[in-house]
Protein backbone atom coordinates (compact mmCIF):
# COMPACT_ATOMS: atom_id res chain seq x y z
CA UNK A 1 30.29 -22.97 -83.33
CA UNK A 2 27.33 -21.73 -85.39
CA UNK A 3 25.50 -18.70 -84.00
CA UNK A 4 21.80 -18.19 -84.60
CA UNK A 5 20.56 -15.06 -86.35
CA UNK A 6 19.01 -13.82 -83.09
CA UNK A 7 22.34 -14.13 -81.30
CA UNK A 8 24.13 -12.32 -84.13
CA UNK A 9 21.60 -9.44 -83.94
CA UNK A 10 22.18 -9.16 -80.19
CA UNK A 11 25.97 -9.18 -80.45
CA UNK A 12 25.86 -6.64 -83.28
CA UNK A 13 23.66 -4.27 -81.28
CA UNK A 14 25.96 -4.52 -78.26
CA UNK A 15 29.02 -3.86 -80.43
CA UNK A 16 27.49 -0.78 -82.08
CA UNK A 17 26.42 0.67 -78.72
CA UNK A 18 29.88 0.04 -77.25
CA UNK A 19 31.54 1.79 -80.20
CA UNK A 20 29.27 4.84 -79.79
CA UNK A 21 29.97 5.11 -76.06
CA UNK A 22 33.74 4.66 -76.47
CA UNK A 23 33.83 7.24 -79.26
CA UNK A 24 31.96 9.80 -77.16
CA UNK A 25 34.05 9.23 -74.05
CA UNK A 26 37.52 8.98 -75.56
CA UNK A 27 37.39 10.85 -78.87
CA UNK A 28 39.33 14.15 -78.89
CA UNK A 29 37.17 17.08 -77.89
CA UNK A 30 36.43 19.15 -80.98
CA UNK A 31 33.08 20.68 -80.15
CA UNK A 32 32.00 24.28 -80.02
CA UNK A 33 32.54 24.66 -76.27
CA UNK A 34 36.25 23.92 -76.79
CA UNK A 35 36.60 26.95 -79.06
CA UNK A 36 38.92 29.48 -77.42
CA UNK A 37 40.47 26.99 -75.00
CA UNK A 38 44.23 26.92 -74.48
CA UNK A 39 43.99 23.13 -74.67
CA UNK A 40 42.63 23.41 -78.21
CA UNK A 41 45.24 23.07 -80.96
CA UNK A 42 42.76 23.82 -83.73
CA UNK A 43 42.54 27.15 -85.58
CA UNK A 44 40.00 28.50 -83.05
CA UNK A 45 42.06 27.47 -80.02
CA UNK A 46 44.56 29.47 -77.95
CA UNK A 47 47.19 26.80 -77.40
CA UNK A 48 49.83 28.71 -79.40
CA UNK A 49 49.23 31.96 -77.50
CA UNK A 50 49.52 30.10 -74.17
CA UNK A 51 52.83 28.61 -75.28
CA UNK A 52 53.93 32.07 -76.46
CA UNK A 53 53.26 33.54 -73.01
CA UNK A 54 54.96 30.68 -71.18
CA UNK A 55 58.02 30.86 -73.44
CA UNK A 56 58.56 34.56 -72.74
CA UNK A 57 58.44 33.91 -68.99
CA UNK A 58 55.04 35.38 -68.17
CA UNK A 59 53.40 33.72 -65.20
CA UNK A 60 50.24 32.25 -66.75
CA UNK A 61 48.14 29.46 -65.29
CA UNK A 62 44.95 27.64 -66.24
CA UNK A 63 41.95 27.72 -63.91
CA UNK A 64 39.47 24.82 -63.92
CA UNK A 65 37.08 25.74 -61.10
CA UNK A 66 34.04 28.05 -60.75
CA UNK A 67 34.68 31.76 -60.26
CA UNK A 68 33.51 31.56 -56.65
CA UNK A 69 36.54 29.39 -55.91
CA UNK A 70 38.79 31.71 -57.91
CA UNK A 71 37.74 34.75 -55.87
CA UNK A 72 38.74 32.86 -52.69
CA UNK A 73 42.03 31.63 -54.12
CA UNK A 74 44.96 32.92 -52.08
CA UNK A 75 47.24 32.73 -55.14
CA UNK A 76 44.97 35.15 -57.02
CA UNK A 77 45.50 38.17 -54.79
CA UNK A 78 45.36 41.64 -56.38
CA UNK A 79 46.67 42.58 -58.78
CA UNK A 80 46.01 39.63 -61.08
CA UNK A 81 44.26 39.07 -64.39
CA UNK A 82 41.59 36.56 -65.39
CA UNK A 83 41.23 35.93 -69.12
CA UNK A 84 37.96 34.55 -70.42
CA UNK A 85 37.64 33.53 -74.07
CA UNK A 86 34.06 32.56 -74.81
CA UNK A 87 33.13 30.01 -77.46
CA UNK A 88 30.11 32.10 -78.49
CA UNK A 89 29.30 35.80 -78.29
CA UNK A 90 27.89 36.90 -74.94
CA UNK A 91 26.27 40.18 -73.80
CA UNK A 92 28.47 42.91 -72.35
CA UNK A 93 27.75 42.18 -68.72
CA UNK A 94 29.79 41.63 -65.55
CA UNK A 95 28.01 39.75 -62.71
CA UNK A 96 28.12 41.20 -59.21
CA UNK A 97 30.61 38.59 -57.97
CA UNK A 98 33.08 39.47 -60.73
CA UNK A 99 32.51 43.21 -60.18
CA UNK A 100 33.52 42.97 -56.51
CA UNK A 101 36.63 41.06 -57.48
CA UNK A 102 37.61 43.59 -60.16
CA UNK A 103 37.01 46.56 -57.83
CA UNK A 104 39.71 45.20 -55.52
CA UNK A 105 42.32 46.08 -58.14
CA UNK A 106 42.19 43.13 -60.52
CA UNK A 107 41.78 42.92 -64.29
CA UNK A 108 39.15 40.95 -66.18
CA UNK A 109 39.63 40.40 -69.93
CA UNK A 110 36.62 39.09 -71.83
CA UNK A 111 36.97 38.05 -75.48
CA UNK A 112 33.82 37.33 -77.46
CA UNK A 113 31.39 40.10 -76.50
CA UNK A 114 28.35 40.69 -78.69
CA UNK A 115 28.41 44.03 -80.51
CA UNK A 116 26.37 45.40 -83.43
CA UNK A 117 27.44 44.55 -86.97
CA UNK A 118 28.63 47.69 -88.75
CA UNK A 119 29.72 48.66 -92.25
CA UNK A 120 33.30 47.82 -91.32
CA UNK A 121 34.96 45.18 -93.54
CA UNK A 122 35.03 41.72 -92.03
CA UNK A 123 38.84 41.52 -92.27
CA UNK A 124 40.89 44.55 -91.34
CA UNK A 125 44.52 45.29 -90.41
CA UNK A 126 45.47 47.74 -87.66
CA UNK A 127 49.03 49.13 -87.46
CA UNK A 128 51.34 48.36 -84.53
CA UNK A 129 55.14 48.44 -84.17
CA UNK A 130 55.36 44.71 -83.39
CA UNK A 131 53.34 43.87 -86.47
CA UNK A 132 49.91 44.53 -87.83
CA UNK A 133 46.92 43.35 -85.81
CA UNK A 134 44.47 41.37 -87.93
CA UNK A 135 40.80 41.50 -86.99
CA UNK A 136 38.19 39.25 -88.59
CA UNK A 137 34.85 40.68 -87.58
CA UNK A 138 32.60 43.50 -88.70
CA UNK A 139 31.21 44.03 -85.21
CA UNK A 140 32.03 47.29 -83.45
CA UNK A 141 31.00 48.94 -80.18
CA UNK A 142 30.15 52.62 -79.84
CA UNK A 143 32.02 52.80 -76.53
CA UNK A 144 34.39 55.81 -76.55
CA UNK A 145 36.97 54.25 -74.22
CA UNK A 146 38.36 52.10 -76.97
CA UNK A 147 41.72 50.39 -76.82
CA UNK A 148 41.64 49.15 -80.37
CA UNK A 149 39.27 50.39 -83.03
CA UNK A 150 38.68 52.38 -86.17
CA UNK A 151 36.22 54.91 -87.53
CA UNK A 152 33.43 52.32 -87.32
CA UNK A 153 33.80 51.90 -83.55
CA UNK A 154 35.67 50.03 -80.86
CA UNK A 155 36.91 46.47 -81.31
CA UNK A 156 38.45 46.35 -77.82
CA UNK A 157 37.30 48.74 -75.13
CA UNK A 158 37.69 49.19 -71.37
CA UNK A 159 35.42 49.77 -68.40
CA UNK A 160 37.04 50.86 -65.09
CA UNK A 161 35.51 49.38 -61.93
CA UNK A 162 36.88 50.68 -58.64
CA UNK A 163 40.61 49.98 -58.53
CA UNK A 164 40.40 47.48 -61.37
CA UNK A 165 39.39 47.40 -65.00
CA UNK A 166 37.48 45.20 -67.41
CA UNK A 167 38.48 44.83 -71.06
CA UNK A 168 35.90 43.74 -73.60
CA UNK A 169 36.66 42.49 -77.12
CA UNK A 170 34.20 41.91 -79.95
CA UNK A 171 36.75 39.60 -81.63
CA UNK A 172 36.75 36.20 -79.87
CA UNK A 173 39.66 34.96 -82.01
CA UNK A 174 41.90 37.92 -81.29
CA UNK A 175 45.01 35.77 -80.68
CA UNK A 176 43.81 32.33 -81.76
CA UNK A 177 46.06 29.71 -83.30
CA UNK A 178 44.99 30.85 -86.77
CA UNK A 179 46.84 34.19 -86.23
CA UNK A 180 50.31 32.85 -85.52
CA UNK A 181 51.58 34.73 -88.59
CA UNK A 182 50.48 38.02 -87.01
CA UNK A 183 52.72 38.65 -83.95
CA UNK A 184 50.93 41.92 -83.33
CA UNK A 185 47.81 39.98 -82.27
CA UNK A 186 49.75 37.97 -79.68
CA UNK A 187 51.59 41.04 -78.36
CA UNK A 188 48.36 43.01 -78.11
CA UNK A 189 46.60 40.37 -76.00
CA UNK A 190 49.75 40.01 -73.89
CA UNK A 191 49.60 43.73 -73.21
CA UNK A 192 45.97 43.51 -72.12
CA UNK A 193 46.51 40.77 -69.57
CA UNK A 194 49.89 41.86 -68.10
CA UNK A 195 49.10 45.13 -66.33
CA UNK A 196 51.80 46.65 -64.12
CA UNK A 197 51.27 47.22 -60.42
CA UNK A 198 50.37 50.74 -59.35
CA UNK A 199 47.81 51.14 -62.12
CA UNK A 200 50.34 51.79 -64.91
CA UNK A 201 49.16 50.15 -68.13
CA UNK A 202 51.30 48.79 -70.88
CA UNK A 203 48.78 49.91 -73.50
CA UNK A 204 47.14 53.22 -74.26
CA UNK A 205 44.18 53.72 -76.60
CA UNK A 206 43.32 56.32 -79.20
CA UNK A 207 40.43 56.61 -81.58
CA UNK A 208 42.31 55.45 -84.66
CA UNK A 209 45.20 53.20 -83.54
CA UNK A 210 46.91 51.63 -80.57
CA UNK A 211 50.19 52.58 -78.91
CA UNK A 212 51.83 49.69 -77.08
CA UNK A 213 54.83 50.94 -75.12
CA UNK A 214 56.64 47.67 -74.78
CA UNK A 215 56.00 46.83 -78.46
CA UNK A 216 57.45 50.13 -79.62
CA UNK A 217 60.54 49.78 -77.42
CA UNK A 218 61.34 46.16 -76.48
CA UNK A 219 64.45 47.23 -74.52
CA UNK A 220 62.31 49.37 -72.21
CA UNK A 221 60.04 46.38 -71.59
CA UNK A 222 62.92 44.32 -70.20
CA UNK A 223 63.84 47.22 -67.86
CA UNK A 224 60.22 47.49 -66.71
CA UNK A 225 59.92 43.76 -66.02
CA UNK A 226 63.02 43.82 -63.82
CA UNK A 227 61.85 46.83 -61.82
CA UNK A 228 58.11 46.21 -61.61
CA UNK A 229 55.90 43.17 -61.08
CA UNK A 230 53.48 42.12 -63.79
CA UNK A 231 50.05 40.77 -63.02
CA UNK A 232 49.79 37.04 -62.70
CA UNK A 233 47.60 35.80 -65.52
CA UNK A 234 44.92 33.15 -65.11
CA UNK A 235 43.02 31.62 -68.05
CA UNK A 236 39.50 30.42 -67.31
CA UNK A 237 39.17 26.86 -68.68
CA UNK A 238 36.15 26.05 -66.54
CA UNK A 239 33.88 27.78 -69.07
CA UNK A 240 35.20 25.34 -71.69
CA UNK A 241 34.16 22.30 -69.68
CA UNK A 242 37.51 21.51 -68.06
CA UNK A 243 37.14 20.74 -64.36
CA UNK A 244 39.47 19.63 -61.62
CA UNK A 245 38.68 16.18 -60.15
CA UNK A 246 37.59 17.70 -56.85
CA UNK A 247 35.06 19.92 -58.68
CA UNK A 248 33.66 16.96 -60.58
CA UNK A 249 33.28 15.02 -57.35
CA UNK A 250 31.67 17.97 -55.61
CA UNK A 251 29.26 18.84 -58.41
CA UNK A 252 28.23 15.32 -59.28
CA UNK A 253 28.85 13.62 -55.92
CA UNK A 254 30.79 10.79 -57.48
CA UNK A 255 27.71 9.45 -59.24
CA UNK A 256 28.40 8.64 -62.89
CA UNK A 257 24.71 8.72 -63.81
CA UNK A 258 24.28 12.16 -62.21
CA UNK A 259 27.40 13.37 -64.00
CA UNK A 260 26.08 12.19 -67.38
CA UNK A 261 22.69 13.75 -66.62
CA UNK A 262 24.31 17.20 -66.52
CA UNK A 263 26.41 16.82 -69.65
CA UNK A 264 25.61 16.53 -73.39
CA UNK A 265 26.41 12.83 -73.09
CA UNK A 266 23.18 12.11 -71.23
CA UNK A 267 20.78 12.37 -74.22
CA UNK A 268 23.19 10.23 -76.25
CA UNK A 269 23.38 7.71 -73.41
CA UNK A 270 19.57 7.50 -73.23
CA UNK A 271 19.27 7.11 -77.00
CA UNK A 272 21.94 4.42 -77.03
CA UNK A 273 20.14 2.53 -74.26
CA UNK A 274 16.82 2.70 -76.13
CA UNK A 275 18.48 1.51 -79.35
CA UNK A 276 20.09 -1.36 -77.47
CA UNK A 277 16.78 -2.45 -75.92
CA UNK A 278 15.00 -2.26 -79.28
CA UNK A 279 17.80 -4.17 -80.96
CA UNK A 280 17.66 -6.90 -78.30
CA UNK A 281 13.91 -7.37 -78.71
CA UNK A 282 14.22 -7.15 -82.48
CA UNK A 283 16.88 -9.83 -82.40
CA UNK A 284 14.75 -12.16 -80.32
CA UNK A 285 11.42 -11.50 -82.05
CA UNK A 286 12.25 -9.83 -85.31
CA UNK A 287 8.77 -10.20 -86.78
CA UNK A 288 6.74 -10.61 -83.60
CA UNK A 289 5.88 -13.66 -81.55
CA UNK A 290 6.49 -17.00 -83.29
CA UNK A 291 3.32 -18.62 -84.67
CA UNK A 292 3.03 -22.39 -84.88
CA UNK A 293 1.76 -23.44 -88.29
CA UNK A 294 -1.02 -26.01 -88.21
CA UNK A 295 -1.04 -28.79 -90.75
CA UNK A 296 -3.57 -28.10 -93.54
CA UNK A 297 -6.69 -30.24 -93.41
CA UNK A 298 -6.82 -32.74 -96.25
CA UNK A 299 -10.14 -33.11 -98.09
CA UNK A 300 -9.95 -36.53 -99.72
CA UNK A 301 -12.97 -35.93 -101.91
CA UNK A 302 -11.62 -32.65 -103.25
CA UNK A 303 -8.20 -34.18 -103.78
CA UNK A 304 -9.77 -37.10 -105.68
CA UNK A 305 -11.84 -34.75 -107.86
CA UNK A 306 -8.84 -32.58 -108.69
CA UNK A 307 -6.73 -35.60 -109.52
CA UNK A 308 -9.44 -37.06 -111.73
CA UNK A 309 -9.96 -33.72 -113.47
CA UNK A 310 -6.25 -33.53 -114.21
CA UNK A 311 -6.29 -37.00 -115.75
CA UNK A 312 -9.37 -36.29 -117.87
CA UNK A 313 -7.89 -33.00 -119.08
CA UNK A 314 -4.68 -34.66 -120.20
CA UNK A 315 -6.69 -37.44 -121.90
CA UNK A 316 -9.04 -34.92 -123.54
CA UNK A 317 -12.00 -36.99 -122.28
CA UNK A 318 -14.66 -34.31 -122.32
CA UNK A 319 -17.22 -36.95 -123.41
CA UNK A 320 -16.72 -38.82 -120.15
CA UNK A 321 -17.13 -35.57 -118.20
CA UNK A 322 -20.30 -34.70 -120.09
CA UNK A 323 -21.81 -38.17 -119.46
CA UNK A 324 -20.91 -38.33 -115.76
CA UNK A 325 -21.83 -34.77 -114.91
CA UNK A 326 -24.98 -34.95 -117.03
CA UNK A 327 -26.27 -37.99 -115.12
CA UNK A 328 -25.54 -36.30 -111.78
CA UNK A 329 -27.27 -33.08 -112.84
CA UNK A 330 -30.29 -35.01 -114.18
CA UNK A 331 -30.63 -36.85 -110.86
CA UNK A 332 -30.47 -33.59 -108.89
CA UNK A 333 -33.09 -32.09 -111.21
CA UNK A 334 -35.43 -35.04 -110.71
CA UNK A 335 -35.19 -34.62 -106.93
CA UNK A 336 -35.91 -30.91 -107.26
CA UNK A 337 -38.96 -31.66 -109.40
CA UNK A 338 -40.10 -34.25 -106.83
CA UNK A 339 -39.81 -37.11 -109.36
CA UNK A 340 -37.75 -39.43 -107.14
CA UNK A 341 -34.36 -40.98 -107.82
CA UNK A 342 -35.36 -43.59 -110.39
CA UNK A 343 -34.02 -43.00 -113.88
CA UNK A 344 -36.61 -41.33 -116.13
CA UNK A 345 -36.90 -40.80 -119.82
CA UNK A 346 -35.66 -37.47 -121.12
CA UNK A 347 -39.16 -36.66 -122.43
CA UNK A 348 -40.78 -37.29 -119.04
CA UNK A 349 -38.24 -35.11 -117.28
CA UNK A 350 -38.63 -32.36 -119.85
CA UNK A 351 -42.43 -32.31 -119.55
CA UNK A 352 -42.20 -32.08 -115.75
CA UNK A 353 -39.71 -29.26 -116.09
CA UNK A 354 -41.99 -27.29 -118.44
CA UNK A 355 -45.03 -27.89 -116.25
CA UNK A 356 -43.45 -26.84 -112.97
CA UNK A 357 -41.28 -23.95 -114.18
CA UNK A 358 -43.15 -22.65 -117.21
CA UNK A 359 -39.89 -22.59 -119.17
CA UNK A 360 -39.37 -23.84 -122.71
CA UNK A 361 -38.60 -27.53 -123.27
CA UNK A 362 -35.61 -26.69 -125.51
CA UNK A 363 -33.67 -25.19 -122.58
CA UNK A 364 -33.46 -28.60 -120.90
CA UNK A 365 -33.59 -31.02 -123.82
CA UNK A 366 -30.33 -29.73 -125.32
CA UNK A 367 -28.55 -30.54 -122.06
CA UNK A 368 -29.79 -34.07 -121.50
CA UNK A 369 -27.42 -36.79 -122.73
CA UNK A 370 -28.32 -38.46 -125.99
CA UNK A 371 -28.60 -42.23 -125.76
CA UNK A 372 -27.41 -42.71 -129.34
CA UNK A 373 -23.82 -41.46 -128.99
CA UNK A 374 -21.36 -39.84 -126.64
CA UNK A 375 -20.43 -36.21 -127.24
CA UNK A 376 -16.82 -35.05 -127.24
CA UNK A 377 -16.72 -31.26 -127.05
CA UNK A 378 -14.06 -28.62 -126.64
CA UNK A 379 -13.08 -27.13 -123.30
CA UNK A 380 -14.86 -23.86 -124.07
CA UNK A 381 -18.04 -25.73 -125.05
CA UNK A 382 -17.78 -27.78 -121.85
CA UNK A 383 -17.68 -24.60 -119.75
CA UNK A 384 -20.69 -23.22 -121.65
CA UNK A 385 -22.55 -26.49 -121.08
CA UNK A 386 -21.90 -26.33 -117.34
CA UNK A 387 -23.09 -22.71 -117.29
CA UNK A 388 -26.42 -23.74 -118.85
CA UNK A 389 -26.95 -26.37 -116.13
CA UNK A 390 -26.38 -23.64 -113.57
CA UNK A 391 -29.08 -21.54 -115.24
CA UNK A 392 -31.48 -24.53 -115.13
CA UNK A 393 -31.06 -24.66 -111.34
CA UNK A 394 -31.75 -20.95 -111.05
CA UNK A 395 -35.22 -21.42 -112.61
CA UNK A 396 -36.31 -24.01 -110.02
CA UNK A 397 -38.62 -22.99 -107.20
CA UNK A 398 -36.61 -21.21 -104.47
CA UNK A 399 -37.30 -23.89 -101.87
CA UNK A 400 -35.90 -26.60 -104.16
CA UNK A 401 -32.71 -25.08 -105.49
CA UNK A 402 -30.48 -26.64 -102.87
CA UNK A 403 -32.46 -29.84 -102.49
CA UNK A 404 -30.19 -32.86 -102.51
């Protein structure tokens, strides 16, 4: 079956749009919002740290709902820890809802807090018994309650709120997948999120270095874990765009169009729809509305003249052209001079011409055909001869130039 070009354009546009939509919906998420997610296996993800915590037996769980639901969660009773790893730097701020939750005796760990850029080197190593802690940022905070820092300022610092505490970190990739060769980074973040009941902390800060009790003495850590309960750790995945089905249904009321309208897919969906509509119309009317071509009108006289001219040119019969055209021009001149249509002598015509126009007789006499012989002239001379006849007409009285 042969398809028309319009049909091929339409099918091609539909195929391209379908590919774009399928790619957006089913391609692996690798955008900026996914940075810091425990589902992300890329260098900026925290999938390896999450597996590290699960392997060592720490109770860690992902949370895919808004914080309002988390604060009401019966499984998140104090003391527990919520870890937030932001994909971009945010201001050092704790909303009122989070403050009330922390004051009840919980811990909030925020990685990716905006701090001023200092003279500190971008990459720096900080000593710890479990291995050096690698930091890749020159940002430092002037907060004195630092947990990890150097002479340029705090990299990780704390802020007590009621019975709880908030930890801020200027390094969003503190324990990302890219730092799997630095166990000190993973142990340090583990110490931040697993606070012991009763307010005892597994980490203590100084101005120059960090002392992690369970890192310095792993045997003591096992004794502590058997005698005391560690905080349950929750990782906020809602800020990375991951949502439980019930949240999606509640926020978007089961309407796919409303869901797309509140996601980055909506502008792409609109653009794809516009492209599809344009492609459909372009396929049907690529260059506008079809125009029916009318058959050209045939002028038999013009066609005859052109055919005759072609024959005379090939036969080099300029003498015939001079004789025929000369007689026709002489007849038109007689009519213009009001001498009738009867054939006149060249002398009579010339005298009338001189009398009525005041021009010289030689201008006309050289154009009138000679009765003694026919003249065969070149093409250039023929064109010059025709030009002189045109000049003769121009010298006639204005009301007789077009007289036929």
